[in-house]
Amino acid sequence: MQRRSKVTTFGLYAVGIIYGLAILVPLLWLLLLALKNALDAFAYPPLFIFEPTFEHFSAIFQDPEFRLAFANSVIIATGSVGLAMLFAIPATFAITIMRGRARRNSLLTILLIRMVPGMIYLLPYFVFYSRIDLLDTHIGLIIIYLIFCVPLIIWTLTPVWGAVPLELREAGMIDGASLWQILYLIELPLVRIGIIASGIVAFIFAWNEFLFALVITRKKTVTLPVIITHYMGYEGYEWGKISAAAVVIMLPVVVFGFLIQRYMITGLTAGAVKG
């Protein structure tokens, strides 16, 4: 195997650094904007050395609408992931049992559901919810998120579950275990890391989703991505509050991802199970 040339190595590092800066610089700018007062925020040239202030964070957390939106996001994101797991885990187990065309067609059908643009579902759900009084409810938004979270979890879990040795399942059947016993007592503990990883991905989607939350909610169940629009008025944008709210939205996902990134990397690969 030939060694990579120094030029190739340098090029790969350069691409990686540029890509990293493209991601980090906007986030850093957002954080700086959230920590600046109104005068420093619009100073030209931009100030990189200034006295930080937490007045914008204090202002949004003193806002009862923002606190309600934060609680709604926690409830809806957690509820969506928890309920999605109840459907996705047995479905993934069933798909791993399938063989040949049945398994391939099932996965393609699930992928098709996930790939359909969200706008396709928006109008039918809005009309249906308006007739059964599910607009502006937690359960209404959670049900919609299941359309996206369940296929996402299934596709994430399928390669992980496929790495479980088939001999374990056959040994359980020989010992008289039912399929449910094989699922919950034998195979589920082996793929727990993959379940955590897929749950994180689904949680991030539900936490950040904006389109359905904007249309389906009104006042009682407004989520964090939607509440940012409340700081955009006809008289001007409250950039400090917008930046602070964006940092609050971003922070739990970033911290959560860093704390368990090892499990995410392990779970999203077939190496989650050792045969």
C-alpha atoms as a PDB file:
ATOM      1  CA  MET A   1       0.000   0.000   0.000  1.00  0.00           C
ATOM      2  CA  GLN A   2       1.466   3.291  -1.126  1.00  0.00           C
ATOM      3  CA  ARG A   3       1.936   6.106   1.325  1.00  0.00           C
ATOM      4  CA  ARG A   4      -0.012   9.280   0.791  1.00  0.00           C
ATOM      5  CA  SER A   5       2.100  12.116  -0.570  1.00  0.00           C
ATOM      6  CA  LYS A   6       2.642  15.221   1.536  1.00  0.00           C
ATOM      7  CA  VAL A   7       0.670  17.275  -0.978  1.00  0.00           C
ATOM      8  CA  THR A   8      -2.350  14.969  -0.646  1.00  0.00           C
ATOM      9  CA  THR A   9      -2.124  15.017   3.144  1.00  0.00           C
ATOM     10  CA  PHE A  10      -1.825  18.797   3.193  1.00  0.00           C
ATOM     11  CA  GLY A  11      -4.807  19.102   0.842  1.00  0.00           C
ATOM     12  CA  LEU A  12      -6.968  16.863   3.035  1.00  0.00           C
ATOM     13  CA  TYR A  13      -6.049  18.833   6.155  1.00  0.00           C
ATOM     14  CA  ALA A  14      -6.756  22.107   4.333  1.00  0.00           C
ATOM     15  CA  VAL A  15     -10.197  20.910   3.252  1.00  0.00           C
ATOM     16  CA  GLY A  16     -10.936  19.740   6.782  1.00  0.00           C
ATOM     17  CA  ILE A  17      -9.870  23.065   8.297  1.00  0.00           C
ATOM     18  CA  ILE A  18     -11.909  25.080   5.789  1.00  0.00           C
ATOM     19  CA  TYR A  19     -14.952  22.897   6.411  1.00  0.00           C
ATOM     20  CA  GLY A  20     -14.521  23.255  10.171  1.00  0.00           C
ATOM     21  CA  LEU A  21     -14.233  27.035   9.931  1.00  0.00           C
ATOM     22  CA  ALA A  22     -17.322  27.212   7.734  1.00  0.00           C
ATOM     23  CA  ILE A  23     -19.249  25.536  10.554  1.00  0.00           C
ATOM     24  CA  LEU A  24     -17.633  27.155  13.578  1.00  0.00           C
ATOM     25  CA  VAL A  25     -17.335  30.786  12.458  1.00  0.00           C
ATOM     26  CA  PRO A  26     -21.122  31.416  12.152  1.00  0.00           C
ATOM     27  CA  LEU A  27     -21.686  29.732  15.520  1.00  0.00           C
ATOM     28  CA  LEU A  28     -18.943  31.818  17.125  1.00  0.00           C
ATOM     29  CA  TRP A  29     -20.365  34.988  15.605  1.00  0.00           C
ATOM     30  CA  LEU A  30     -23.813  34.074  16.966  1.00  0.00           C
ATOM     31  CA  LEU A  31     -22.389  33.571  20.449  1.00  0.00           C
ATOM     32  CA  LEU A  32     -20.508  36.895  20.327  1.00  0.00           C
ATOM     33  CA  LEU A  33     -23.658  38.688  19.201  1.00  0.00           C
ATOM     34  CA  ALA A  34     -25.593  37.191  22.104  1.00  0.00           C
ATOM     35  CA  LEU A  35     -22.956  38.462  24.554  1.00  0.00           C
ATOM     36  CA  LYS A  36     -22.776  42.018  23.185  1.00  0.00           C
ATOM     37  CA  ASN A  37     -24.916  44.952  24.194  1.00  0.00           C
ATOM     38  CA  ALA A  38     -26.875  46.864  21.556  1.00  0.00           C
ATOM     39  CA  LEU A  39     -24.088  49.353  20.848  1.00  0.00           C
ATOM     40  CA  ASP A  40     -21.313  46.754  20.564  1.00  0.00           C
ATOM     41  CA  ALA A  41     -23.456  44.534  18.371  1.00  0.00           C
ATOM     42  CA  PHE A  42     -23.703  47.152  15.617  1.00  0.00           C
ATOM     43  CA  ALA A  43     -20.234  48.640  15.991  1.00  0.00           C
ATOM     44  CA  TYR A  44     -18.177  48.959  12.805  1.00  0.00           C
ATOM     45  CA  PRO A  45     -15.632  47.548  12.426  1.00  0.00           C
ATOM     46  CA  PRO A  46     -16.904  44.582  14.491  1.00  0.00           C
ATOM     47  CA  LEU A  47     -15.620  44.331  18.047  1.00  0.00           C
ATOM     48  CA  PHE A  48     -13.943  41.120  19.098  1.00  0.00           C
ATOM     49  CA  ILE A  49     -12.744  42.454  22.442  1.00  0.00           C
ATOM     50  CA  PHE A  50     -15.606  43.787  24.553  1.00  0.00           C
ATOM     51  CA  GLU A  51     -17.183  43.474  27.970  1.00  0.00           C
ATOM     52  CA  PRO A  52     -19.631  40.568  27.739  1.00  0.00           C
ATOM     53  CA  THR A  53     -23.153  40.953  29.024  1.00  0.00           C
ATOM     54  CA  PHE A  54     -25.859  38.387  29.757  1.00  0.00           C
ATOM     55  CA  GLU A  55     -28.706  40.866  29.519  1.00  0.00           C
ATOM     56  CA  HIS A  56     -30.159  39.160  26.440  1.00  0.00           C
ATOM     57  CA  PHE A  57     -30.197  35.745  28.111  1.00  0.00           C
ATOM     58  CA  SER A  58     -31.771  37.291  31.204  1.00  0.00           C
ATOM     59  CA  ALA A  59     -34.388  38.997  29.039  1.00  0.00           C
ATOM     60  CA  ILE A  60     -35.503  35.864  27.209  1.00  0.00           C
ATOM     61  CA  PHE A  61     -35.709  33.756  30.364  1.00  0.00           C
ATOM     62  CA  GLN A  62     -37.779  36.464  32.017  1.00  0.00           C
ATOM     63  CA  ASP A  63     -40.151  36.216  29.080  1.00  0.00           C
ATOM     64  CA  PRO A  64     -42.983  33.786  30.054  1.00  0.00           C
ATOM     65  CA  GLU A  65     -43.584  32.914  26.398  1.00  0.00           C
ATOM     66  CA  PHE A  66     -39.979  31.803  25.981  1.00  0.00           C
ATOM     67  CA  ARG A  67     -40.098  29.681  29.144  1.00  0.00           C
ATOM     68  CA  LEU A  68     -43.304  28.060  27.891  1.00  0.00           C
ATOM     69  CA  ALA A  69     -41.700  27.384  24.495  1.00  0.00           C
ATOM     70  CA  PHE A  70     -38.695  25.789  26.204  1.00  0.00           C
ATOM     71  CA  ALA A  71     -40.954  23.451  28.192  1.00  0.00           C
ATOM     72  CA  ASN A  72     -42.960  22.640  25.054  1.00  0.00           C
ATOM     73  CA  SER A  73     -39.812  21.734  23.114  1.00  0.00           C
ATOM     74  CA  VAL A  74     -38.645  19.408  25.883  1.00  0.00           C
ATOM     75  CA  ILE A  75     -42.049  17.704  26.087  1.00  0.00           C
ATOM     76  CA  ILE A  76     -42.537  17.368  22.333  1.00  0.00           C
ATOM     77  CA  ALA A  77     -38.982  16.254  21.485  1.00  0.00           C
ATOM     78  CA  THR A  78     -38.841  13.740  24.337  1.00  0.00           C
ATOM     79  CA  GLY A  79     -42.353  12.465  23.663  1.00  0.00           C
ATOM     80  CA  SER A  80     -41.668  12.101  19.934  1.00  0.00           C
ATOM     81  CA  VAL A  81     -38.507  10.059  20.506  1.00  0.00           C
ATOM     82  CA  GLY A  82     -40.069   7.893  23.218  1.00  0.00           C
ATOM     83  CA  LEU A  83     -43.175   7.095  21.185  1.00  0.00           C
ATOM     84  CA  ALA A  84     -41.137   6.597  18.005  1.00  0.00           C
ATOM     85  CA  MET A  85     -39.000   4.017  19.803  1.00  0.00           C
ATOM     86  CA  LEU A  86     -42.106   1.998  20.707  1.00  0.00           C
ATOM     87  CA  PHE A  87     -42.856   1.612  16.991  1.00  0.00           C
ATOM     88  CA  ALA A  88     -39.350   1.620  15.501  1.00  0.00           C
ATOM     89  CA  ILE A  89     -37.689  -1.012  17.722  1.00  0.00           C
ATOM     90  CA  PRO A  90     -40.184  -3.834  17.012  1.00  0.00           C
ATOM     91  CA  ALA A  91     -40.313  -2.784  13.349  1.00  0.00           C
ATOM     92  CA  THR A  92     -36.529  -2.947  13.021  1.00  0.00           C
ATOM     93  CA  PHE A  93     -36.482  -6.346  14.687  1.00  0.00           C
ATOM     94  CA  ALA A  94     -39.121  -7.599  12.243  1.00  0.00           C
ATOM     95  CA  ILE A  95     -37.158  -6.247   9.271  1.00  0.00           C
ATOM     96  CA  THR A  96     -33.998  -8.034  10.401  1.00  0.00           C
ATOM     97  CA  ILE A  97     -35.947 -11.298  10.443  1.00  0.00           C
ATOM     98  CA  MET A  98     -37.072 -10.763   6.841  1.00  0.00           C
ATOM     99  CA  ARG A  99     -34.962 -12.005   3.976  1.00  0.00           C
ATOM    100  CA  GLY A 100     -34.618 -11.202   0.288  1.00  0.00           C
ATOM    101  CA  ARG A 101     -37.125  -9.025  -1.539  1.00  0.00           C
ATOM    102  CA  ALA A 102     -39.447  -8.550   1.438  1.00  0.00           C
ATOM    103  CA  ARG A 103     -36.716  -6.925   3.495  1.00  0.00           C
ATOM    104  CA  ARG A 104     -35.495  -4.756   0.625  1.00  0.00           C
ATOM    105  CA  ASN A 105     -39.008  -3.557  -0.256  1.00  0.00           C
ATOM    106  CA  SER A 106     -39.823  -2.778   3.366  1.00  0.00           C
ATOM    107  CA  LEU A 107     -36.718  -0.636   3.742  1.00  0.00           C
ATOM    108  CA  LEU A 108     -37.362   1.157   0.448  1.00  0.00           C
ATOM    109  CA  THR A 109     -40.949   1.905   1.475  1.00  0.00           C
ATOM    110  CA  ILE A 110     -39.794   3.325   4.812  1.00  0.00           C
ATOM    111  CA  LEU A 111     -37.121   5.384   3.049  1.00  0.00           C
ATOM    112  CA  LEU A 112     -39.710   6.741   0.620  1.00  0.00           C
ATOM    113  CA  ILE A 113     -41.896   7.906   3.510  1.00  0.00           C
ATOM    114  CA  ARG A 114     -38.914   9.686   5.052  1.00  0.00           C
ATOM    115  CA  MET A 115     -37.858  11.317   1.769  1.00  0.00           C
ATOM    116  CA  VAL A 116     -41.248  12.845   0.970  1.00  0.00           C
ATOM    117  CA  PRO A 117     -41.028  16.631   1.521  1.00  0.00           C
ATOM    118  CA  GLY A 118     -42.734  17.784   4.681  1.00  0.00           C
ATOM    119  CA  MET A 119     -44.856  20.268   2.728  1.00  0.00           C
ATOM    120  CA  ILE A 120     -46.785  17.319   1.287  1.00  0.00           C
ATOM    121  CA  TYR A 121     -48.090  16.426   4.752  1.00  0.00           C
ATOM    122  CA  LEU A 122     -48.643  19.978   5.965  1.00  0.00           C
ATOM    123  CA  LEU A 123     -52.011  20.878   4.425  1.00  0.00           C
ATOM    124  CA  PRO A 124     -53.755  17.507   5.008  1.00  0.00           C
ATOM    125  CA  TYR A 125     -52.694  17.477   8.649  1.00  0.00           C
ATOM    126  CA  PHE A 126     -53.716  21.081   9.175  1.00  0.00           C
ATOM    127  CA  VAL A 127     -57.201  20.470   7.753  1.00  0.00           C
ATOM    128  CA  PHE A 128     -57.604  17.187   9.651  1.00  0.00           C
ATOM    129  CA  TYR A 129     -56.372  18.628  12.944  1.00  0.00           C
ATOM    130  CA  SER A 130     -58.645  21.657  12.646  1.00  0.00           C
ATOM    131  CA  ARG A 131     -61.645  19.322  12.468  1.00  0.00           C
ATOM    132  CA  ILE A 132     -60.686  17.121  15.420  1.00  0.00           C
ATOM    133  CA  ASP A 133     -59.321  19.912  17.647  1.00  0.00           C
ATOM    134  CA  LEU A 134     -55.676  18.797  17.621  1.00  0.00           C
ATOM    135  CA  LEU A 135     -54.266  22.129  16.528  1.00  0.00           C
ATOM    136  CA  ASP A 136     -52.017  23.700  19.155  1.00  0.00           C
ATOM    137  CA  THR A 137     -51.628  20.468  21.149  1.00  0.00           C
ATOM    138  CA  HIS A 138     -48.550  18.512  22.193  1.00  0.00           C
ATOM    139  CA  ILE A 139     -49.898  15.178  20.994  1.00  0.00           C
ATOM    140  CA  GLY A 140     -50.793  16.644  17.590  1.00  0.00           C
ATOM    141  CA  LEU A 141     -47.218  17.723  16.920  1.00  0.00           C
ATOM    142  CA  ILE A 142     -45.794  14.487  18.340  1.00  0.00           C
ATOM    143  CA  ILE A 143     -47.948  12.416  15.961  1.00  0.00           C
ATOM    144  CA  ILE A 144     -46.638  14.398  12.986  1.00  0.00           C
ATOM    145  CA  TYR A 145     -43.035  13.973  14.097  1.00  0.00           C
ATOM    146  CA  LEU A 146     -43.529  10.207  14.184  1.00  0.00           C
ATOM    147  CA  ILE A 147     -43.734  10.278  10.380  1.00  0.00           C
ATOM    148  CA  PHE A 148     -40.109  11.388  10.272  1.00  0.00           C
ATOM    149  CA  CYS A 149     -38.648   9.960  13.479  1.00  0.00           C
ATOM    150  CA  VAL A 150     -39.793   6.344  13.039  1.00  0.00           C
ATOM    151  CA  PRO A 151     -38.227   5.862   9.550  1.00  0.00           C
ATOM    152  CA  LEU A 152     -35.100   7.684  10.711  1.00  0.00           C
ATOM    153  CA  ILE A 153     -34.684   5.376  13.717  1.00  0.00           C
ATOM    154  CA  ILE A 154     -35.410   2.259  11.648  1.00  0.00           C
ATOM    155  CA  TRP A 155     -32.821   3.130   9.007  1.00  0.00           C
ATOM    156  CA  THR A 156     -30.272   3.989  11.679  1.00  0.00           C
ATOM    157  CA  LEU A 157     -30.876   0.821  13.672  1.00  0.00           C
ATOM    158  CA  THR A 158     -31.122  -1.690  10.809  1.00  0.00           C
ATOM    159  CA  PRO A 159     -27.354  -2.028  10.091  1.00  0.00           C
ATOM    160  CA  VAL A 160     -26.631  -2.142  13.824  1.00  0.00           C
ATOM    161  CA  TRP A 161     -29.207  -4.849  14.419  1.00  0.00           C
ATOM    162  CA  GLY A 162     -28.013  -6.715  11.360  1.00  0.00           C
ATOM    163  CA  ALA A 163     -24.659  -7.208  13.092  1.00  0.00           C
ATOM    164  CA  VAL A 164     -26.237  -9.276  15.863  1.00  0.00           C
ATOM    165  CA  PRO A 165     -25.105 -12.893  15.359  1.00  0.00           C
ATOM    166  CA  LEU A 166     -27.921 -14.991  13.942  1.00  0.00           C
ATOM    167  CA  GLU A 167     -26.813 -17.871  16.196  1.00  0.00           C
ATOM    168  CA  LEU A 168     -28.087 -16.006  19.245  1.00  0.00           C
ATOM    169  CA  ARG A 169     -31.584 -15.830  17.824  1.00  0.00           C
ATOM    170  CA  GLU A 170     -31.513 -19.467  16.774  1.00  0.00           C
ATOM    171  CA  ALA A 171     -30.257 -20.537  20.196  1.00  0.00           C
ATOM    172  CA  GLY A 172     -33.106 -18.643  21.842  1.00  0.00           C
ATOM    173  CA  MET A 173     -35.675 -20.307  19.595  1.00  0.00           C
ATOM    174  CA  ILE A 174     -34.210 -23.738  20.332  1.00  0.00           C
ATOM    175  CA  ASP A 175     -34.554 -22.999  24.060  1.00  0.00           C
ATOM    176  CA  GLY A 176     -38.233 -22.232  23.524  1.00  0.00           C
ATOM    177  CA  ALA A 177     -38.095 -18.428  23.695  1.00  0.00           C
ATOM    178  CA  SER A 178     -40.784 -16.495  21.831  1.00  0.00           C
ATOM    179  CA  LEU A 179     -39.934 -13.713  19.400  1.00  0.00           C
ATOM    180  CA  TRP A 180     -40.827 -11.108  22.035  1.00  0.00           C
ATOM    181  CA  GLN A 181     -38.522 -12.796  24.544  1.00  0.00           C
ATOM    182  CA  ILE A 182     -35.722 -12.908  21.979  1.00  0.00           C
ATOM    183  CA  LEU A 183     -36.282  -9.228  21.263  1.00  0.00           C
ATOM    184  CA  TYR A 184     -36.366  -7.905  24.821  1.00  0.00           C
ATOM    185  CA  LEU A 185     -34.138 -10.378  26.657  1.00  0.00           C
ATOM    186  CA  ILE A 186     -31.461 -11.274  24.100  1.00  0.00           C
ATOM    187  CA  GLU A 187     -31.097  -8.772  21.272  1.00  0.00           C
ATOM    188  CA  LEU A 188     -32.268  -5.493  22.748  1.00  0.00           C
ATOM    189  CA  PRO A 189     -29.410  -5.283  25.305  1.00  0.00           C
ATOM    190  CA  LEU A 190     -26.900  -5.880  22.498  1.00  0.00           C
ATOM    191  CA  VAL A 191     -28.107  -2.951  20.383  1.00  0.00           C
ATOM    192  CA  ARG A 192     -28.690  -0.474  23.218  1.00  0.00           C
ATOM    193  CA  ILE A 193     -25.852   1.756  21.991  1.00  0.00           C
ATOM    194  CA  GLY A 194     -27.409   1.904  18.550  1.00  0.00           C
ATOM    195  CA  ILE A 195     -30.750   2.759  20.138  1.00  0.00           C
ATOM    196  CA  ILE A 196     -29.144   5.634  22.038  1.00  0.00           C
ATOM    197  CA  ALA A 197     -27.508   6.917  18.862  1.00  0.00           C
ATOM    198  CA  SER A 198     -30.690   6.742  16.797  1.00  0.00           C
ATOM    199  CA  GLY A 199     -32.614   8.380  19.625  1.00  0.00           C
ATOM    200  CA  ILE A 200     -30.158  11.287  19.599  1.00  0.00           C
ATOM    201  CA  VAL A 201     -30.611  11.796  15.868  1.00  0.00           C
ATOM    202  CA  ALA A 202     -34.408  11.724  16.207  1.00  0.00           C
ATOM    203  CA  PHE A 203     -34.276  14.074  19.197  1.00  0.00           C
ATOM    204  CA  ILE A 204     -32.207  16.601  17.247  1.00  0.00           C
ATOM    205  CA  PHE A 205     -34.762  16.555  14.437  1.00  0.00           C
ATOM    206  CA  ALA A 206     -37.725  17.043  16.785  1.00  0.00           C
ATOM    207  CA  TRP A 207     -35.888  19.719  18.789  1.00  0.00           C
ATOM    208  CA  ASN A 208     -34.976  21.782  15.711  1.00  0.00           C
ATOM    209  CA  GLU A 209     -38.082  21.271  13.540  1.00  0.00           C
ATOM    210  CA  PHE A 210     -39.671  24.551  12.480  1.00  0.00           C
ATOM    211  CA  LEU A 211     -42.187  24.182   9.632  1.00  0.00           C
ATOM    212  CA  PHE A 212     -44.822  22.001  11.315  1.00  0.00           C
ATOM    213  CA  ALA A 213     -44.336  23.732  14.661  1.00  0.00           C
ATOM    214  CA  LEU A 214     -45.012  27.079  12.980  1.00  0.00           C
ATOM    215  CA  VAL A 215     -48.236  25.978  11.276  1.00  0.00           C
ATOM    216  CA  ILE A 216     -49.727  23.505  13.761  1.00  0.00           C
ATOM    217  CA  THR A 217     -49.090  25.481  16.959  1.00  0.00           C
ATOM    218  CA  ARG A 218     -50.761  28.705  17.982  1.00  0.00           C
ATOM    219  CA  LYS A 219     -49.933  29.899  21.482  1.00  0.00           C
ATOM    220  CA  LYS A 220     -50.054  27.082  24.033  1.00  0.00           C
ATOM    221  CA  THR A 221     -47.575  24.713  22.346  1.00  0.00           C
ATOM    222  CA  VAL A 222     -45.192  27.065  20.519  1.00  0.00           C
ATOM    223  CA  THR A 223     -41.677  25.571  20.413  1.00  0.00           C
ATOM    224  CA  LEU A 224     -38.264  27.223  20.644  1.00  0.00           C
ATOM    225  CA  PRO A 225     -37.547  27.532  16.891  1.00  0.00           C
ATOM    226  CA  VAL A 226     -40.891  29.300  16.460  1.00  0.00           C
ATOM    227  CA  ILE A 227     -40.541  31.625  19.441  1.00  0.00           C
ATOM    228  CA  ILE A 228     -37.537  33.267  17.759  1.00  0.00           C
ATOM    229  CA  THR A 229     -39.901  34.769  15.187  1.00  0.00           C
ATOM    230  CA  HIS A 230     -41.603  36.667  18.025  1.00  0.00           C
ATOM    231  CA  TYR A 231     -38.468  38.793  18.301  1.00  0.00           C
ATOM    232  CA  MET A 232     -38.814  39.863  14.675  1.00  0.00           C
ATOM    233  CA  GLY A 233     -41.203  42.790  14.539  1.00  0.00           C
ATOM    234  CA  TYR A 234     -42.219  45.508  12.137  1.00  0.00           C
ATOM    235  CA  GLU A 235     -40.191  48.034  14.100  1.00  0.00           C
ATOM    236  CA  GLY A 236     -37.011  45.998  13.809  1.00  0.00           C
ATOM    237  CA  TYR A 237     -35.329  42.781  14.837  1.00  0.00           C
ATOM    238  CA  GLU A 238     -34.156  42.243  18.398  1.00  0.00           C
ATOM    239  CA  TRP A 239     -30.858  40.696  17.353  1.00  0.00           C
ATOM    240  CA  GLY A 240     -29.576  40.258  20.882  1.00  0.00           C
ATOM    241  CA  LYS A 241     -32.611  38.213  21.945  1.00  0.00           C
ATOM    242  CA  ILE A 242     -32.624  36.311  18.651  1.00  0.00           C
ATOM    243  CA  SER A 243     -28.966  35.340  19.097  1.00  0.00           C
ATOM    244  CA  ALA A 244     -29.436  34.428  22.760  1.00  0.00           C
ATOM    245  CA  ALA A 245     -32.475  32.280  21.930  1.00  0.00           C
ATOM    246  CA  ALA A 246     -30.560  30.578  19.112  1.00  0.00           C
ATOM    247  CA  VAL A 247     -27.692  29.784  21.497  1.00  0.00           C
ATOM    248  CA  VAL A 248     -30.148  28.316  24.016  1.00  0.00           C
ATOM    249  CA  ILE A 249     -31.684  26.153  21.296  1.00  0.00           C
ATOM    250  CA  MET A 250     -28.300  24.994  20.085  1.00  0.00           C
ATOM    251  CA  LEU A 251     -26.631  24.439  23.466  1.00  0.00           C
ATOM    252  CA  PRO A 252     -28.481  21.306  24.711  1.00  0.00           C
ATOM    253  CA  VAL A 253     -27.923  19.471  21.441  1.00  0.00           C
ATOM    254  CA  VAL A 254     -24.220  20.403  21.313  1.00  0.00           C
ATOM    255  CA  VAL A 255     -23.579  19.464  24.949  1.00  0.00           C
ATOM    256  CA  PHE A 256     -25.612  16.265  24.626  1.00  0.00           C
ATOM    257  CA  GLY A 257     -23.735  15.298  21.471  1.00  0.00           C
ATOM    258  CA  PHE A 258     -20.305  15.926  22.987  1.00  0.00           C
ATOM    259  CA  LEU A 259     -21.113  13.964  26.139  1.00  0.00           C
ATOM    260  CA  ILE A 260     -22.129  10.832  24.273  1.00  0.00           C
ATOM    261  CA  GLN A 261     -20.366  11.216  20.923  1.00  0.00           C
ATOM    262  CA  ARG A 262     -18.494   7.978  21.552  1.00  0.00           C
ATOM    263  CA  TYR A 263     -21.778   6.129  21.791  1.00  0.00           C
ATOM    264  CA  MET A 264     -23.122   7.842  18.691  1.00  0.00           C
ATOM    265  CA  ILE A 265     -20.106   6.866  16.607  1.00  0.00           C
ATOM    266  CA  THR A 266     -20.232   3.320  17.920  1.00  0.00           C
ATOM    267  CA  GLY A 267     -23.962   2.991  17.544  1.00  0.00           C
ATOM    268  CA  LEU A 268     -24.127   4.302  14.010  1.00  0.00           C
ATOM    269  CA  THR A 269     -21.734   1.682  12.764  1.00  0.00           C
ATOM    270  CA  ALA A 270     -21.981  -2.059  12.608  1.00  0.00           C
ATOM    271  CA  GLY A 271     -19.321  -2.289  15.285  1.00  0.00           C
ATOM    272  CA  ALA A 272     -21.952  -1.696  17.952  1.00  0.00           C
ATOM    273  CA  VAL A 273     -22.165  -5.476  18.378  1.00  0.00           C
ATOM    274  CA  LYS A 274     -19.258  -7.813  18.673  1.00  0.00           C
ATOM    275  CA  GLY A 275     -19.902 -11.162  17.130  1.00  0.00           C
END
